[in-house]
Amino acid sequence: MQLSLATILAEAARRHPERTALIADGERISYATLWHESLRHAAALRSLGVSPGDRVALLAGNVADFVRCYYGILAVGGTVVTIPPMLRPQEVAFLLSDTGARLVLAQSLFADLAHAAVDGNDVTVRTVGDPQRPDALAPLVADSEPLPSYVSRAPDDIAVIFYTSGTTGVPKGAMLTHLNLVMNATVNAFDVHPMSGEDVVMGSLPLFHTFGQSVALNTTFRVGATLILQERFDPDEAIRMMCEYGATIFDGVPTMFVRLAEAAAHHTKLPSLRFCVSGGASLPEVVLRRFEEAFSTTIYEGYGLSETSPTASTNQTLYGARVGSVGHPIWGVEVEIARADIDDRIELLPRGEHGEIVIRGHNVFVGYLNRPEATAEAIVDGWFRTGDIGFIDDDGFIHIVDRKKDLIIRGGFNVYPREVEEVLLKFPGISQVAVIGVPDAELGEEVCAVVVPDKEGAVDPAELQAWAQERLGKHKYPRRVEIVTELPLGPSLKVLKRELRARFGGKS
């Protein structure tokens, strides 16, 4: 049996050659043109010595060249290693060393970063976006005859390696197969939130991240729809682009929905969105309500990880949406709750009980690159241990309580930051909040709320504490409130709580 993730674009080009695949930099690129250009890139990579199974690093933002290179690597049979452009040279160097990648395709904007990362190593850098550079890939592409088709791969061959954010130590490379990613795109497109070729998806999510790459890029192409690329997320520009190009779907993380809801008040015209999908982090109810009211649409909150391709569950039209939940498992995937205090086996818990969320199905990765021990800890009895705490209600809706590592234990009592955050976000004048545990000599940990006020005013810590004390248990309300102008965000726009713990509590 053979299967390639490149099929996603190849089939769309065969079925809908003249339909617009990408809108980038104001240019419309058809499926036929995009696939032809991707096959030219594949031929150029072959001339550089790339063989099936070779790992090729891709360092680029949300530009058309990312897409050409991505499918070009897949078409020649290579494995894509996506690199976040905001990393430091030593961090990029680690990813290259860990994967054994000998070639980096870098957007010219990030050429200096690429060259600094490979300095002194036997790794080649080829840039895209500026054909005049001496290291440009463009001349080689122009001189290459397109491959006649993509190179066949086995379903279990590795298509993409995503690196985790490293919240628990050194980043780990999650290996996703062609089957993992083709199935995730297919199920997302046809079962979860059915799409059609008439849809236009706003691509503000970074393509180097699993959410943007799988849910936005691959899912959109799976149905032959159109993807608008926004190189860097800006809420006002996103609203303008969605209106101009007729966007029908927006995929985003909670911070994007916060900023879009705030920006909506300054626009006389807003896009007519069929629905939106939220993932990457928990979506506070107050944010969901604000956005849905402003844009007159529905947000379907979902759940997944890099290790699960990423979608594992989501609110779906089939089952209905329940605010505060992440819906039901997607087709072909099981999501259950297991005892979190047992590491060497999976012991499932009944409905309603809190425990660790575990997943199995076609979406689960094959393991961490070069880390068999970490893989053995993560995949137990055929289930992937997520490290997230949650429960399943009587109607089958999955609820995320919090990250296992973010749990605060105050005087022997468990405090789940997400629960506290949901309450605090209802306090007038708060735009964003992150709740963390900080060291306390008597209680072990104390509850600390790090607050970003909205643009209209300020937040008084004492007033917030008094307000929260009336609405939260004695062990839950924050005894400490820190006011900041912004929260630290990672490459996927998740709040980096480890940085807040280091800053306010000396705890990583």
Protein backbone atom coordinates (compact mmCIF):
# COMPACT_ATOMS: atom_id res chain seq x y z
CA MET A 1 0.00 0.00 0.00
CA GLN A 2 1.22 3.49 -0.83
CA LEU A 3 0.12 6.92 0.35
CA SER A 4 1.61 10.42 0.29
CA LEU A 5 0.52 13.63 1.94
CA ALA A 6 1.38 15.28 -1.40
CA THR A 7 -1.83 13.67 -2.68
CA ILE A 8 -3.76 16.42 -0.90
CA LEU A 9 -2.55 19.03 -3.41
CA ALA A 10 -2.13 16.68 -6.37
CA GLU A 11 -5.76 15.54 -6.29
CA ALA A 12 -7.09 19.06 -5.80
CA ALA A 13 -5.12 20.19 -8.86
CA ARG A 14 -6.44 17.26 -10.89
CA ARG A 15 -10.06 17.85 -9.91
CA HIS A 16 -10.15 21.65 -9.71
CA PRO A 17 -7.23 22.94 -11.80
CA GLU A 18 -8.58 26.46 -12.36
CA ARG A 19 -9.94 27.01 -8.86
CA THR A 20 -8.00 29.41 -6.61
CA ALA A 21 -5.90 27.53 -4.08
CA LEU A 22 -4.06 30.43 -2.46
CA ILE A 23 -4.48 34.15 -2.04
CA ALA A 24 -1.14 35.54 -0.93
CA ASP A 25 0.28 39.05 -1.25
CA GLY A 26 -2.81 40.01 -3.24
CA GLU A 27 -2.11 37.32 -5.84
CA ARG A 28 -4.48 34.46 -6.68
CA ILE A 29 -2.74 31.15 -7.41
CA SER A 30 -4.71 28.32 -9.01
CA TYR A 31 -4.42 24.69 -7.94
CA ALA A 32 -2.91 23.71 -11.29
CA THR A 33 -0.25 26.41 -11.04
CA LEU A 34 0.56 25.67 -7.40
CA TRP A 35 0.99 21.94 -8.03
CA HIS A 36 3.12 22.58 -11.14
CA GLU A 37 5.36 24.92 -9.13
CA SER A 38 5.58 22.39 -6.29
CA LEU A 39 6.71 19.68 -8.72
CA ARG A 40 9.38 22.06 -10.05
CA HIS A 41 10.57 22.60 -6.50
CA ALA A 42 10.62 18.83 -6.02
CA ALA A 43 12.81 18.44 -9.11
CA ALA A 44 15.16 21.14 -7.84
CA LEU A 45 15.44 19.36 -4.50
CA ARG A 46 16.22 16.09 -6.25
CA SER A 47 19.05 17.81 -8.12
CA LEU A 48 20.39 18.92 -4.72
CA GLY A 49 20.55 15.28 -3.67
CA VAL A 50 17.31 14.96 -1.68
CA SER A 51 16.16 11.32 -1.67
CA PRO A 52 13.02 9.69 -0.25
CA GLY A 53 13.11 9.76 3.53
CA ASP A 54 15.62 12.63 3.74
CA ARG A 55 14.70 15.35 6.20
CA VAL A 56 14.51 18.88 4.83
CA ALA A 57 14.08 21.87 7.14
CA LEU A 58 11.60 24.57 6.14
CA LEU A 59 12.06 27.99 7.72
CA ALA A 60 9.39 30.36 6.45
CA GLY A 61 6.33 32.36 7.41
CA ASN A 62 2.86 32.44 5.89
CA VAL A 63 3.89 33.03 2.30
CA ALA A 64 3.20 31.15 -0.93
CA ASP A 65 6.80 29.90 -0.96
CA PHE A 66 6.13 27.98 2.25
CA VAL A 67 3.40 26.04 0.46
CA ARG A 68 5.46 25.42 -2.69
CA CYS A 69 8.40 24.16 -0.65
CA TYR A 70 6.23 22.10 1.71
CA TYR A 71 4.56 20.13 -1.06
CA GLY A 72 7.79 20.09 -3.05
CA ILE A 73 9.57 18.31 -0.19
CA LEU A 74 6.70 15.84 0.10
CA ALA A 75 6.55 15.30 -3.66
CA VAL A 76 10.22 14.31 -3.83
CA GLY A 77 9.61 11.87 -0.97
CA GLY A 78 11.28 13.89 1.74
CA THR A 79 10.23 14.55 5.33
CA VAL A 80 9.35 18.13 6.26
CA VAL A 81 10.87 19.62 9.41
CA THR A 82 9.10 22.92 10.04
CA ILE A 83 11.07 25.48 12.04
CA PRO A 84 9.47 28.47 13.83
CA PRO A 85 11.13 31.66 12.53
CA MET A 86 11.26 33.23 15.99
CA LEU A 87 13.80 30.72 17.32
CA ARG A 88 17.38 31.69 18.08
CA PRO A 89 20.26 30.31 15.96
CA GLN A 90 21.32 27.81 18.63
CA GLU A 91 17.75 26.52 18.88
CA VAL A 92 17.54 26.06 15.11
CA ALA A 93 20.94 24.37 15.16
CA PHE A 94 19.62 21.88 17.72
CA LEU A 95 16.65 20.97 15.50
CA LEU A 96 18.91 20.48 12.50
CA SER A 97 21.29 18.29 14.49
CA ASP A 98 18.47 16.28 16.06
CA THR A 99 16.81 15.53 12.72
CA GLY A 100 19.99 15.16 10.68
CA ALA A 101 18.63 17.60 8.09
CA ARG A 102 21.34 18.54 5.57
CA LEU A 103 19.30 21.15 3.71
CA VAL A 104 17.42 24.22 4.92
CA LEU A 105 14.90 26.02 2.70
CA ALA A 106 14.61 29.49 4.19
CA GLN A 107 12.50 32.48 3.31
CA SER A 108 14.96 35.26 2.45
CA LEU A 109 13.62 37.27 5.40
CA PHE A 110 15.10 34.58 7.67
CA ALA A 111 18.25 33.85 5.68
CA ASP A 112 20.54 35.33 8.34
CA LEU A 113 18.96 33.10 10.98
CA ALA A 114 19.43 30.02 8.80
CA HIS A 115 23.08 30.78 8.03
CA ALA A 116 23.84 31.54 11.68
CA ALA A 117 22.30 28.20 12.67
CA VAL A 118 24.36 26.13 10.20
CA ASP A 119 27.61 28.05 10.71
CA GLY A 120 30.47 25.58 10.65
CA ASN A 121 28.26 22.60 9.89
CA ASP A 122 27.83 20.62 6.69
CA VAL A 123 24.30 21.91 6.05
CA THR A 124 23.23 23.74 2.89
CA VAL A 125 20.95 26.79 2.95
CA ARG A 126 18.83 27.71 -0.05
CA THR A 127 16.62 30.77 0.16
CA VAL A 128 13.25 31.55 -1.41
CA GLY A 129 11.58 34.91 -1.95
CA ASP A 130 14.55 36.81 -3.37
CA PRO A 131 15.87 35.32 -6.63
CA GLN A 132 18.84 37.73 -6.64
CA ARG A 133 20.49 36.23 -3.58
CA PRO A 134 23.56 34.04 -4.29
CA ASP A 135 22.00 31.22 -2.26
CA ALA A 136 18.59 31.51 -3.97
CA LEU A 137 16.72 28.35 -4.91
CA ALA A 138 14.83 30.14 -7.71
CA PRO A 139 17.42 29.69 -10.53
CA LEU A 140 17.58 25.97 -9.87
CA VAL A 141 13.78 25.74 -9.85
CA ALA A 142 13.57 27.65 -13.12
CA ASP A 143 16.05 25.25 -14.79
CA SER A 144 14.27 22.12 -13.52
CA GLU A 145 11.66 20.15 -15.39
CA PRO A 146 8.77 19.33 -13.02
CA LEU A 147 8.67 15.78 -11.71
CA PRO A 148 6.02 13.81 -13.62
CA SER A 149 4.31 13.01 -10.30
CA TYR A 150 5.06 12.71 -6.61
CA VAL A 151 7.22 9.93 -5.19
CA SER A 152 5.16 7.19 -3.56
CA ARG A 153 5.55 6.57 0.15
CA ALA A 154 4.24 3.99 2.60
CA PRO A 155 1.40 5.12 4.88
CA ASP A 156 3.62 4.68 7.96
CA ASP A 157 6.54 6.65 6.53
CA ILE A 158 7.23 9.95 8.28
CA ALA A 159 5.79 12.96 6.46
CA VAL A 160 6.38 15.78 8.95
CA ILE A 161 8.31 16.23 12.18
CA PHE A 162 6.82 18.81 14.55
CA TYR A 163 8.81 19.95 17.55
CA THR A 164 7.01 20.38 20.84
CA SER A 165 7.42 23.70 22.61
CA GLY A 166 9.76 22.21 25.17
CA THR A 167 7.64 23.12 28.20
CA THR A 168 8.98 20.09 30.05
CA GLY A 169 12.58 20.31 28.90
CA VAL A 170 14.37 19.96 25.58
CA PRO A 171 11.99 20.12 22.58
CA LYS A 172 11.01 16.71 21.21
CA GLY A 173 10.36 15.91 17.57
CA ALA A 174 6.92 14.35 17.13
CA MET A 175 6.94 12.11 14.05
CA LEU A 176 3.70 12.22 12.06
CA THR A 177 3.07 9.77 9.22
CA HIS A 178 1.46 10.31 5.84
CA LEU A 179 -1.54 8.32 7.09
CA ASN A 180 -1.81 10.42 10.26
CA LEU A 181 -1.98 13.69 8.34
CA VAL A 182 -4.04 12.58 5.34
CA MET A 183 -6.65 11.10 7.68
CA ASN A 184 -6.74 14.17 9.91
CA ALA A 185 -7.30 16.49 6.95
CA THR A 186 -9.93 14.20 5.47
CA VAL A 187 -11.90 13.78 8.69
CA ASN A 188 -11.70 17.50 9.45
CA ALA A 189 -12.95 18.40 5.98
CA PHE A 190 -15.78 15.90 5.57
CA ASP A 191 -16.88 14.71 9.04
CA VAL A 192 -16.07 17.30 11.68
CA HIS A 193 -17.16 20.58 10.08
CA PRO A 194 -18.14 19.73 6.52
CA MET A 195 -16.57 22.08 3.99
CA SER A 196 -16.91 22.57 0.24
CA GLY A 197 -14.86 24.02 -2.59
CA GLU A 198 -16.85 27.24 -2.21
CA ASP A 199 -15.35 27.94 1.21
CA VAL A 200 -12.66 30.55 1.75
CA VAL A 201 -10.49 29.99 4.83
CA MET A 202 -8.61 32.79 6.56
CA GLY A 203 -5.06 31.56 7.15
CA SER A 204 -3.76 33.65 10.04
CA LEU A 205 -2.43 30.64 11.95
CA PRO A 206 1.30 30.05 11.43
CA LEU A 207 1.82 27.31 8.87
CA PHE A 208 4.92 26.03 10.63
CA HIS A 209 2.65 24.92 13.49
CA THR A 210 0.52 21.78 13.40
CA PHE A 211 -2.81 23.64 13.79
CA GLY A 212 -2.22 25.95 10.83
CA GLN A 213 -0.59 23.29 8.72
CA SER A 214 -3.09 20.50 9.20
CA VAL A 215 -6.41 22.21 9.98
CA ALA A 216 -5.99 25.27 7.76
CA LEU A 217 -3.66 24.27 4.91
CA ASN A 218 -4.18 20.54 4.36
CA THR A 219 -7.86 20.51 5.28
CA THR A 220 -8.61 23.42 2.94
CA PHE A 221 -6.80 21.75 0.05
CA ARG A 222 -8.49 18.42 0.79
CA VAL A 223 -11.81 19.87 -0.43
CA GLY A 224 -10.35 22.18 -3.07
CA ALA A 225 -11.30 25.33 -1.16
CA THR A 226 -9.35 28.63 -1.05
CA LEU A 227 -6.83 29.63 1.62
CA ILE A 228 -6.00 33.29 2.31
CA LEU A 229 -2.52 33.69 3.77
CA GLN A 230 -1.81 36.45 6.28
CA GLU A 231 1.92 36.66 6.82
CA ARG A 232 1.66 38.05 10.34
CA PHE A 233 -1.54 38.17 12.36
CA ASP A 234 -3.01 41.61 12.75
CA PRO A 235 -6.69 41.76 13.74
CA ASP A 236 -7.62 44.85 11.75
CA GLU A 237 -5.86 43.60 8.64
CA ALA A 238 -7.42 40.15 9.11
CA ILE A 239 -10.91 41.69 9.17
CA ARG A 240 -10.13 43.75 6.06
CA MET A 241 -8.80 40.71 4.19
CA MET A 242 -11.72 38.50 5.21
CA CYS A 243 -14.17 41.11 3.91
CA GLU A 244 -12.24 41.70 0.68
CA TYR A 245 -11.85 38.04 -0.24
CA GLY A 246 -15.13 36.72 1.16
CA ALA A 247 -13.81 34.48 3.93
CA THR A 248 -16.32 31.96 5.23
CA ILE A 249 -14.18 30.19 7.87
CA PHE A 250 -11.68 31.44 10.45
CA ASP A 251 -9.36 29.09 12.34
CA GLY A 252 -7.60 30.59 15.33
CA VAL A 253 -6.26 30.35 18.85
CA PRO A 254 -7.91 32.15 21.80
CA THR A 255 -5.59 35.17 21.66
CA MET A 256 -6.69 35.78 18.07
CA PHE A 257 -10.36 35.71 19.03
CA VAL A 258 -9.66 38.17 21.87
CA ARG A 259 -8.00 40.64 19.51
CA LEU A 260 -10.56 40.23 16.73
CA ALA A 261 -13.43 40.87 19.15
CA GLU A 262 -11.71 44.04 20.36
CA ALA A 263 -10.98 45.20 16.80
CA ALA A 264 -14.54 44.56 15.59
CA ALA A 265 -15.80 47.68 17.37
CA HIS A 266 -13.72 49.85 15.03
CA HIS A 267 -15.04 48.37 11.78
CA THR A 268 -18.26 49.25 10.01
CA LYS A 269 -18.14 46.04 7.97
CA LEU A 270 -17.39 42.55 9.27
CA PRO A 271 -17.03 39.27 7.32
CA SER A 272 -19.90 36.81 6.99
CA LEU A 273 -18.34 33.73 8.55
CA ARG A 274 -20.12 30.35 8.40
CA PHE A 275 -18.20 29.16 11.44
CA CYS A 276 -14.90 29.43 13.29
CA VAL A 277 -12.65 26.82 14.86
CA SER A 278 -10.68 27.45 18.04
CA GLY A 279 -7.80 25.30 19.22
CA GLY A 280 -4.28 25.41 20.61
CA ALA A 281 -5.40 26.41 24.10
CA SER A 282 -8.55 26.58 26.19
CA LEU A 283 -11.07 29.17 24.98
CA PRO A 284 -12.59 31.13 27.88
CA GLU A 285 -16.39 31.31 27.71
CA VAL A 286 -16.39 35.10 27.97
CA VAL A 287 -14.13 35.36 24.91
CA LEU A 288 -16.35 32.98 22.94
CA ARG A 289 -19.45 35.02 23.83
CA ARG A 290 -17.84 38.33 22.90
CA PHE A 291 -16.65 37.08 19.54
CA GLU A 292 -19.84 35.29 18.57
CA GLU A 293 -21.89 38.37 19.44
CA ALA A 294 -19.61 40.70 17.45
CA PHE A 295 -19.34 38.50 14.34
CA SER A 296 -22.75 36.76 14.46
CA THR A 297 -21.21 33.32 13.98
CA THR A 298 -20.40 30.13 15.89
CA ILE A 299 -17.04 29.08 17.31
CA TYR A 300 -16.45 25.34 17.55
CA GLU A 301 -13.79 24.68 20.16
CA GLY A 302 -11.59 21.68 19.54
CA TYR A 303 -8.70 19.86 21.17
CA GLY A 304 -5.53 18.25 19.99
CA LEU A 305 -1.76 18.19 20.19
CA SER A 306 1.16 17.96 17.80
CA GLU A 307 1.29 14.27 18.68
CA THR A 308 -2.33 13.79 17.48
CA SER A 309 -1.99 15.37 14.03
CA PRO A 310 -3.50 17.55 15.76
CA THR A 311 -7.30 17.16 15.96
CA ALA A 312 -8.55 14.64 18.53
CA SER A 313 -11.95 16.06 19.48
CA THR A 314 -14.10 19.08 18.74
CA ASN A 315 -17.57 20.43 19.07
CA GLN A 316 -19.39 19.26 15.96
CA THR A 317 -22.68 19.94 14.24
CA LEU A 318 -23.47 16.22 14.53
CA TYR A 319 -23.51 16.30 18.33
CA GLY A 320 -24.11 19.98 18.91
CA ALA A 321 -21.83 22.45 20.67
CA ARG A 322 -21.46 22.76 24.43
CA VAL A 323 -19.70 25.85 25.73
CA GLY A 324 -16.77 25.02 27.97
CA SER A 325 -16.20 21.63 26.35
CA VAL A 326 -14.08 20.44 23.46
CA GLY A 327 -16.87 18.31 22.07
CA HIS A 328 -16.69 14.69 21.01
CA PRO A 329 -13.87 12.62 19.48
CA ILE A 330 -13.50 12.93 15.72
CA TRP A 331 -14.33 9.97 13.45
CA GLY A 332 -12.02 6.99 14.01
CA VAL A 333 -10.51 8.34 17.24
CA GLU A 334 -11.13 7.39 20.85
CA VAL A 335 -10.71 9.84 23.73
CA GLU A 336 -11.03 8.56 27.30
CA ILE A 337 -10.08 9.48 30.86
CA ALA A 338 -7.49 7.41 32.73
CA ARG A 339 -6.03 7.46 36.21
CA ALA A 340 -3.31 10.09 36.24
CA ASP A 341 -1.39 8.57 39.15
CA ILE A 342 -0.50 5.35 37.34
CA ASP A 343 2.31 5.57 34.78
CA ASP A 344 2.92 2.00 33.59
CA ARG A 345 -0.59 1.10 32.44
CA ILE A 346 -3.88 2.66 31.38
CA GLU A 347 -6.77 2.30 33.82
CA LEU A 348 -9.85 4.00 32.38
CA LEU A 349 -12.24 5.93 34.63
CA PRO A 350 -16.04 6.20 34.44
CA ARG A 351 -17.94 9.24 33.16
CA GLY A 352 -17.69 12.29 35.37
CA GLU A 353 -14.42 11.40 37.08
CA HIS A 354 -11.35 13.60 36.65
CA GLY A 355 -8.19 12.07 35.25
CA GLU A 356 -5.65 12.22 32.44
CA ILE A 357 -6.96 12.46 28.90
CA VAL A 358 -5.75 9.56 26.74
CA ILE A 359 -6.18 9.13 22.98
CA ARG A 360 -5.87 6.36 20.43
CA GLY A 361 -6.67 6.18 16.73
CA HIS A 362 -5.39 7.00 13.27
CA ASN A 363 -4.21 10.42 14.45
CA VAL A 364 -1.66 9.30 17.06
CA PHE A 365 1.98 9.80 16.13
CA VAL A 366 4.52 6.98 15.97
CA GLY A 367 6.84 8.46 18.57
CA TYR A 368 9.47 11.06 19.40
CA LEU A 369 12.52 11.21 17.17
CA ASN A 370 15.62 9.71 18.84
CA ARG A 371 13.79 9.41 22.18
CA PRO A 372 12.56 5.85 22.74
CA GLU A 373 12.18 6.35 26.51
CA ALA A 374 10.00 9.44 26.06
CA THR A 375 7.96 7.55 23.46
CA ALA A 376 7.45 4.63 25.87
CA GLU A 377 6.26 7.04 28.56
CA ALA A 378 3.85 8.78 26.17
CA ILE A 379 2.31 5.73 24.46
CA VAL A 380 1.10 3.16 26.99
CA ASP A 381 -1.09 0.16 26.13
CA GLY A 382 -1.74 1.73 22.73
CA TRP A 383 -2.99 5.01 24.23
CA PHE A 384 -1.28 8.38 24.02
CA ARG A 385 -1.02 10.08 27.40
CA THR A 386 -1.67 13.78 26.83
CA GLY A 387 -0.66 15.21 30.20
CA ASP A 388 -3.99 17.06 30.28
CA ILE A 389 -6.55 16.65 33.05
CA GLY A 390 -10.21 16.42 32.16
CA PHE A 391 -13.48 14.54 32.38
CA ILE A 392 -16.30 13.34 30.11
CA ASP A 393 -19.85 14.30 31.06
CA ASP A 394 -22.94 12.11 30.82
CA ASP A 395 -23.63 13.33 27.26
CA GLY A 396 -20.16 12.39 26.04
CA PHE A 397 -18.73 15.94 25.88
CA ILE A 398 -15.06 16.14 26.80
CA HIS A 399 -13.97 18.87 29.22
CA ILE A 400 -10.39 20.02 29.71
CA VAL A 401 -9.72 20.98 33.32
CA ASP A 402 -6.07 21.92 32.91
CA ARG A 403 -2.58 20.82 32.04
CA LYS A 404 -1.22 18.27 34.47
CA LYS A 405 1.92 20.36 34.91
CA ASP A 406 -0.06 23.59 35.46
CA LEU A 407 -2.03 22.18 38.37
CA ILE A 408 -1.60 24.30 41.52
CA ILE A 409 -1.53 22.46 44.84
CA ARG A 410 -2.29 25.02 47.56
CA GLY A 411 -2.13 23.64 51.08
CA GLY A 412 -2.94 20.16 49.80
CA PHE A 413 -5.93 21.32 47.72
CA ASN A 414 -5.95 21.13 43.92
CA VAL A 415 -6.56 24.40 42.09
CA TYR A 416 -7.13 24.25 38.32
CA PRO A 417 -5.94 27.51 36.71
CA ARG A 418 -8.44 27.36 33.87
CA GLU A 419 -11.38 27.39 36.29
CA VAL A 420 -9.99 30.49 38.02
CA GLU A 421 -9.25 32.19 34.70
CA GLU A 422 -12.82 31.65 33.50
CA VAL A 423 -14.13 33.50 36.55
CA LEU A 424 -11.58 36.34 36.50
CA LEU A 425 -12.25 37.11 32.83
CA LYS A 426 -15.75 38.21 33.82
CA PHE A 427 -14.30 41.06 35.90
CA PRO A 428 -14.80 44.40 34.11
CA GLY A 429 -11.71 45.75 32.40
CA ILE A 430 -9.78 42.50 31.98
CA SER A 431 -8.63 41.58 28.47
CA GLN A 432 -6.52 38.50 29.27
CA VAL A 433 -5.46 36.60 32.35
CA ALA A 434 -3.13 33.72 33.17
CA VAL A 435 -3.25 31.99 36.53
CA ILE A 436 -0.10 30.32 37.82
CA GLY A 437 1.23 28.79 40.99
CA VAL A 438 4.10 30.52 42.78
CA PRO A 439 6.17 29.06 45.64
CA ASP A 440 4.88 29.64 49.19
CA ALA A 441 6.79 28.64 52.30
CA GLU A 442 3.69 27.66 54.26
CA LEU A 443 1.25 26.36 51.64
CA GLY A 444 3.66 24.99 49.03
CA GLU A 445 2.08 27.08 46.28
CA GLU A 446 0.00 30.20 46.14
CA VAL A 447 -2.43 31.30 43.43
CA CYS A 448 -1.19 34.22 41.33
CA ALA A 449 -3.20 35.96 38.60
CA VAL A 450 -1.26 37.74 35.86
CA VAL A 451 -3.66 40.25 34.29
CA VAL A 452 -3.68 42.28 31.08
CA PRO A 453 -6.19 45.18 31.33
CA ASP A 454 -8.23 46.08 28.27
CA LYS A 455 -7.42 49.20 26.27
CA GLU A 456 -10.04 51.31 28.01
CA GLY A 457 -8.73 51.31 31.54
CA ALA A 458 -6.88 49.79 34.46
CA VAL A 459 -7.51 46.98 36.93
CA ASP A 460 -7.13 47.49 40.66
CA PRO A 461 -5.59 44.34 42.21
CA ALA A 462 -7.35 44.78 45.54
CA GLU A 463 -10.75 45.18 43.88
CA LEU A 464 -10.15 42.13 41.73
CA GLN A 465 -9.16 40.05 44.75
CA ALA A 466 -12.25 41.09 46.70
CA TRP A 467 -14.46 40.37 43.69
CA ALA A 468 -12.87 36.95 43.12
CA GLN A 469 -13.13 36.04 46.81
CA GLU A 470 -16.92 36.26 46.53
CA ARG A 471 -17.01 33.93 43.52
CA LEU A 472 -14.31 31.35 44.19
CA GLY A 473 -13.53 28.91 46.97
CA LYS A 474 -11.19 30.05 49.73
CA HIS A 475 -8.34 27.99 48.31
CA LYS A 476 -8.91 29.18 44.72
CA TYR A 477 -9.04 32.96 44.62
CA PRO A 478 -5.70 34.69 43.85
CA ARG A 479 -3.87 36.17 46.85
CA ARG A 480 -1.49 37.79 44.42
CA VAL A 481 -2.34 39.84 41.32
CA GLU A 482 0.27 41.08 38.85
CA ILE A 483 -0.62 43.65 36.17
CA VAL A 484 1.24 43.40 32.85
CA THR A 485 0.85 44.95 29.41
CA GLU A 486 1.00 41.62 27.61
CA LEU A 487 1.39 37.89 28.19
CA PRO A 488 4.38 36.01 26.75
CA LEU A 489 3.33 33.92 23.76
CA GLY A 490 5.03 30.97 22.10
CA PRO A 491 5.32 30.28 18.36
CA SER A 492 1.75 28.94 18.25
CA LEU A 493 0.46 31.96 20.23
CA LYS A 494 -0.08 29.94 23.40
CA VAL A 495 0.58 31.70 26.70
CA LEU A 496 3.96 30.61 28.07
CA LYS A 497 3.14 30.03 31.71
CA ARG A 498 6.63 28.73 32.42
CA GLU A 499 7.95 32.25 31.68
CA LEU A 500 5.40 33.77 34.03
CA ARG A 501 6.37 31.31 36.76
CA ALA A 502 10.04 32.16 36.27
CA ARG A 503 9.29 35.89 36.34
CA PHE A 504 6.94 36.03 39.31
CA GLY A 505 7.84 32.98 41.33
CA GLY A 506 11.25 31.78 40.34
CA LYS A 507 9.60 28.51 39.26
CA SER A 508 10.06 27.02 35.79
